[in-house]
Protein backbone atom coordinates (compact mmCIF):
# COMPACT_ATOMS: atom_id res chain seq x y z
CA UNK A 1 -29.54 -11.54 -13.38
CA UNK A 2 -29.08 -11.95 -9.62
CA UNK A 3 -25.58 -13.39 -10.14
CA UNK A 4 -24.52 -10.23 -11.97
CA UNK A 5 -25.88 -8.04 -9.18
CA UNK A 6 -24.15 -10.12 -6.52
CA UNK A 7 -20.89 -9.94 -8.46
CA UNK A 8 -21.18 -6.16 -8.83
CA UNK A 9 -21.88 -5.74 -5.12
CA UNK A 10 -18.82 -7.83 -4.22
CA UNK A 11 -16.63 -5.79 -6.57
CA UNK A 12 -17.96 -2.55 -5.12
CA UNK A 13 -17.28 -3.76 -1.57
CA UNK A 14 -13.71 -4.64 -2.50
CA UNK A 15 -13.19 -1.22 -4.10
CA UNK A 16 -14.63 0.51 -1.01
CA UNK A 17 -12.27 -1.42 1.28
CA UNK A 18 -9.30 -0.47 -0.89
CA UNK A 19 -10.33 3.21 -0.89
CA UNK A 20 -10.78 3.15 2.89
CA UNK A 21 -7.38 1.53 3.36
CA UNK A 22 -5.76 4.06 1.02
CA UNK A 23 -7.40 6.93 2.94
CA UNK A 24 -6.14 5.52 6.26
CA UNK A 25 -2.66 5.27 4.75
CA UNK A 26 -2.77 8.86 3.53
CA UNK A 27 -4.06 10.10 6.90
CA UNK A 28 -1.26 8.30 8.72
CA UNK A 29 1.44 10.16 6.82
CA UNK A 30 4.15 7.79 8.07
CA UNK A 31 3.78 5.11 5.43
CA UNK A 32 3.49 5.20 1.66
CA UNK A 33 1.83 1.96 0.66
CA UNK A 34 -0.01 0.62 -2.30
CA UNK A 35 -3.75 0.11 -1.72
CA UNK A 36 -3.24 -3.66 -1.71
CA UNK A 37 -0.60 -3.57 1.04
CA UNK A 38 -1.49 -3.64 4.71
CA UNK A 39 0.00 -1.48 7.45
CA UNK A 40 1.57 -3.81 9.96
CA UNK A 41 1.84 -2.67 13.54
CA UNK A 42 4.96 -3.36 15.56
CA UNK A 43 4.37 -6.06 18.14
CA UNK A 44 5.84 -5.42 21.56
CA UNK A 45 7.74 -6.36 23.63
CA UNK A 46 10.87 -6.37 21.49
CA UNK A 47 13.75 -7.80 23.47
CA UNK A 48 13.95 -5.75 26.66
CA UNK A 49 11.77 -2.88 25.43
CA UNK A 50 8.06 -2.16 25.55
CA UNK A 51 6.46 1.28 25.19
CA UNK A 52 5.29 3.08 28.29
CA UNK A 53 5.47 6.28 30.32
CA UNK A 54 8.31 5.51 32.74
CA UNK A 55 11.80 6.95 32.59
CA UNK A 56 14.45 4.24 32.69
CA UNK A 57 18.14 3.86 31.97
CA UNK A 58 19.15 1.45 29.20
CA UNK A 59 21.41 -1.36 30.43
CA UNK A 60 23.17 -1.46 27.03
CA UNK A 61 23.91 2.19 26.18
CA UNK A 62 23.14 3.76 29.58
CA UNK A 63 20.96 6.45 28.00
CA UNK A 64 17.64 7.51 29.54
CA UNK A 65 14.50 6.47 27.66
CA UNK A 66 10.74 6.36 28.08
CA UNK A 67 9.33 2.86 28.23
CA UNK A 68 7.36 0.31 30.16
CA UNK A 69 7.82 0.10 33.92
CA UNK A 70 9.89 -3.09 33.54
CA UNK A 71 11.70 -2.22 30.27
CA UNK A 72 15.46 -2.61 30.63
CA UNK A 73 16.61 -1.45 27.16
CA UNK A 74 15.82 1.45 24.89
CA UNK A 75 14.11 0.50 21.64
CA UNK A 76 17.21 0.78 19.35
CA UNK A 77 19.34 -1.35 21.70
CA UNK A 78 16.54 -3.92 22.07
CA UNK A 79 16.18 -4.18 18.29
CA UNK A 80 19.96 -4.55 17.88
CA UNK A 81 20.04 -7.26 20.56
CA UNK A 82 17.24 -9.20 18.86
CA UNK A 83 18.95 -8.86 15.46
CA UNK A 84 22.25 -10.13 16.91
CA UNK A 85 20.45 -13.04 18.54
CA UNK A 86 18.73 -13.91 15.26
CA UNK A 87 22.03 -13.72 13.38
CA UNK A 88 23.67 -16.08 15.88
CA UNK A 89 20.73 -18.48 15.67
CA UNK A 90 20.90 -18.50 11.85
CA UNK A 91 24.64 -19.18 11.96
CA UNK A 92 24.06 -22.08 14.37
CA UNK A 93 21.28 -23.42 12.14
CA UNK A 94 23.63 -23.30 9.14
CA UNK A 95 26.27 -25.27 11.08
CA UNK A 96 23.70 -27.87 12.09
CA UNK A 97 22.44 -28.24 8.52
CA UNK A 98 26.02 -28.66 7.26
CA UNK A 99 26.70 -31.32 9.93
CA UNK A 100 23.48 -33.14 9.01
CA UNK A 101 24.45 -33.17 5.32
CA UNK A 102 27.85 -34.65 6.24
CA UNK A 103 26.19 -37.33 8.36
CA UNK A 104 23.77 -38.20 5.54
CA UNK A 105 26.68 -38.41 3.08
CA UNK A 106 28.64 -40.66 5.45
CA UNK A 107 25.56 -42.82 5.99
CA UNK A 108 25.02 -43.14 2.23
CA UNK A 109 28.70 -44.07 1.74
CA UNK A 110 28.53 -46.75 4.44
CA UNK A 111 25.33 -48.17 2.92
CA UNK A 112 27.00 -48.37 -0.50
CA UNK A 113 30.00 -50.22 0.94
CA UNK A 114 27.75 -52.61 2.84
CA UNK A 115 25.57 -53.11 -0.23
CA UNK A 116 22.33 -51.93 1.38
């Protein structure tokens, strides 16, 4: 009997959490999420941008923006810079993986010839 009650309490707690999360999502108005999904907050700094209350001039597009005292890029330019950096890093990683595969193939070929 107590197992059934414990199980019901756990189920009710889960349902209450889902309802609370759904209510928070509806109140936000910015996101349309399923009750099982979580709202993820953006983590700053992104590249050369962090939110703040200082007027600065973006070093990339030379537009004025509001940001942190030491921010050097507006948010769109900072995001673009990070995306470009990630793209370059992925391309370099692909080149390295290709080179490693060629080395492994060469090593296997040499081992076959040597009879190892």
